[in-house]
Amino acid sequence: MVNIVQLASIIRSKNAKPLELTLDIVFKDKEAFEKAKRSQVISEDLIAKLYHIPKERVLCSTWFAPGNAFKVTIARKIMAGDPDDTDVYGAQQHVPLLSIEI
């Protein structure tokens, strides 16, 4: 098993829309990308589990081979900029991804 941090060069989150977050894992190279993809560990089910949300809130995901990346969009719990929002840009929401083991 290897932690995702060893395979990825970028793990980030950001707002996609006021009510959506996009999560990106960009792998160091094609070999790391293929290893992660073949493992079938990263999935919409895993994202739902990591973010403690129903799978229906995982809006879409894709393995993007030209960029050696996995991209997923989830529904935000509250709208960006809401008075209760603690991360208006969605830039701190990638942390659960750091626990992925391939």
Protein backbone atom coordinates (compact mmCIF):
# COMPACT_ATOMS: atom_id res chain seq x y z
CA MET A 1 0.00 0.00 0.00
CA VAL A 2 1.14 3.51 -0.79
CA ASN A 3 -0.36 6.80 0.35
CA ILE A 4 -1.84 9.04 -2.34
CA VAL A 5 0.62 11.78 -1.41
CA GLN A 6 3.44 9.63 -2.80
CA LEU A 7 1.67 9.23 -6.15
CA ALA A 8 0.25 12.72 -6.66
CA SER A 9 1.90 16.03 -7.36
CA ILE A 10 -1.28 18.05 -6.70
CA ILE A 11 -4.23 17.33 -4.41
CA ARG A 12 -6.59 20.27 -4.23
CA SER A 13 -10.12 21.51 -3.82
CA LYS A 14 -11.88 24.62 -5.03
CA ASN A 15 -15.31 25.99 -5.69
CA ALA A 16 -16.89 24.86 -8.93
CA LYS A 17 -20.03 26.94 -8.36
CA PRO A 18 -21.49 28.48 -5.21
CA LEU A 19 -23.04 25.13 -4.30
CA GLU A 20 -20.36 22.77 -5.66
CA LEU A 21 -16.77 21.80 -4.88
CA THR A 22 -14.36 20.20 -7.29
CA LEU A 23 -11.63 17.91 -5.98
CA ASP A 24 -8.57 17.17 -8.09
CA ILE A 25 -5.84 14.59 -7.75
CA VAL A 26 -3.11 15.14 -10.34
CA PHE A 27 -0.66 12.27 -10.44
CA LYS A 28 3.11 12.68 -10.79
CA ASP A 29 3.25 10.72 -14.03
CA LYS A 30 1.38 8.27 -16.25
CA GLU A 31 2.65 5.30 -14.23
CA ALA A 32 1.24 6.69 -10.97
CA PHE A 33 -2.03 7.59 -12.71
CA GLU A 34 -2.42 4.08 -14.13
CA LYS A 35 -1.54 2.46 -10.79
CA ALA A 36 -4.25 4.45 -9.01
CA LYS A 37 -6.82 3.84 -11.73
CA ARG A 38 -6.14 0.09 -11.92
CA SER A 39 -6.47 -0.24 -8.15
CA GLN A 40 -10.13 0.88 -8.34
CA VAL A 41 -9.73 2.35 -4.84
CA ILE A 42 -10.71 5.87 -5.85
CA SER A 43 -14.41 5.97 -6.64
CA GLU A 44 -17.58 7.93 -6.01
CA ASP A 45 -18.32 5.55 -3.14
CA LEU A 46 -14.95 6.36 -1.54
CA ILE A 47 -15.50 10.10 -1.96
CA ALA A 48 -18.93 9.83 -0.30
CA LYS A 49 -17.37 7.90 2.57
CA LEU A 50 -14.45 10.31 3.03
CA TYR A 51 -16.71 13.36 2.99
CA HIS A 52 -19.50 11.78 5.07
CA ILE A 53 -22.10 12.54 2.43
CA PRO A 54 -24.69 10.43 0.63
CA LYS A 55 -23.47 9.18 -2.74
CA GLU A 56 -26.15 11.31 -4.41
CA ARG A 57 -24.14 14.40 -3.40
CA VAL A 58 -21.20 13.15 -5.48
CA LEU A 59 -22.30 14.84 -8.69
CA CYS A 60 -19.74 13.52 -11.17
CA SER A 61 -16.26 12.07 -11.42
CA THR A 62 -13.83 11.27 -14.19
CA TRP A 63 -10.40 9.83 -14.79
CA PHE A 64 -8.75 12.39 -17.10
CA ALA A 65 -5.88 10.59 -18.84
CA PRO A 66 -4.47 13.59 -20.78
CA GLY A 67 -3.82 15.33 -17.45
CA ASN A 68 -3.01 12.22 -15.39
CA ALA A 69 -5.80 13.28 -13.05
CA PHE A 70 -8.89 12.18 -11.21
CA LYS A 71 -11.55 14.88 -10.89
CA VAL A 72 -14.74 14.80 -8.87
CA THR A 73 -17.45 17.34 -8.08
CA ILE A 74 -19.52 17.21 -4.92
CA ALA A 75 -22.38 19.33 -3.63
CA ARG A 76 -21.35 21.76 -0.89
CA LYS A 77 -23.11 21.48 2.44
CA ILE A 78 -23.71 25.24 2.48
CA MET A 79 -23.34 27.90 -0.19
CA ALA A 80 -19.95 29.58 -0.61
CA GLY A 81 -20.01 32.90 1.20
CA ASP A 82 -22.86 31.94 3.53
CA PRO A 83 -22.33 33.45 7.01
CA ASP A 84 -21.74 29.91 8.34
CA ASP A 85 -19.21 29.06 5.61
CA THR A 86 -15.73 28.50 7.04
CA ASP A 87 -13.99 28.07 3.67
CA VAL A 88 -15.41 30.56 1.19
CA TYR A 89 -13.08 29.45 -1.64
CA GLY A 90 -13.37 25.72 -0.95
CA ALA A 91 -9.57 25.56 -0.91
CA GLN A 92 -9.27 23.62 2.36
CA GLN A 93 -11.63 20.76 1.53
CA HIS A 94 -9.04 18.42 -0.01
CA VAL A 95 -7.76 17.12 3.34
CA PRO A 96 -9.86 13.90 3.44
CA LEU A 97 -8.24 12.86 0.14
CA LEU A 98 -4.85 12.74 1.86
CA SER A 99 -5.84 9.54 3.69
CA ILE A 100 -6.31 7.48 0.50
CA GLU A 101 -4.15 4.36 0.33
CA ILE A 102 -3.58 2.67 -3.02
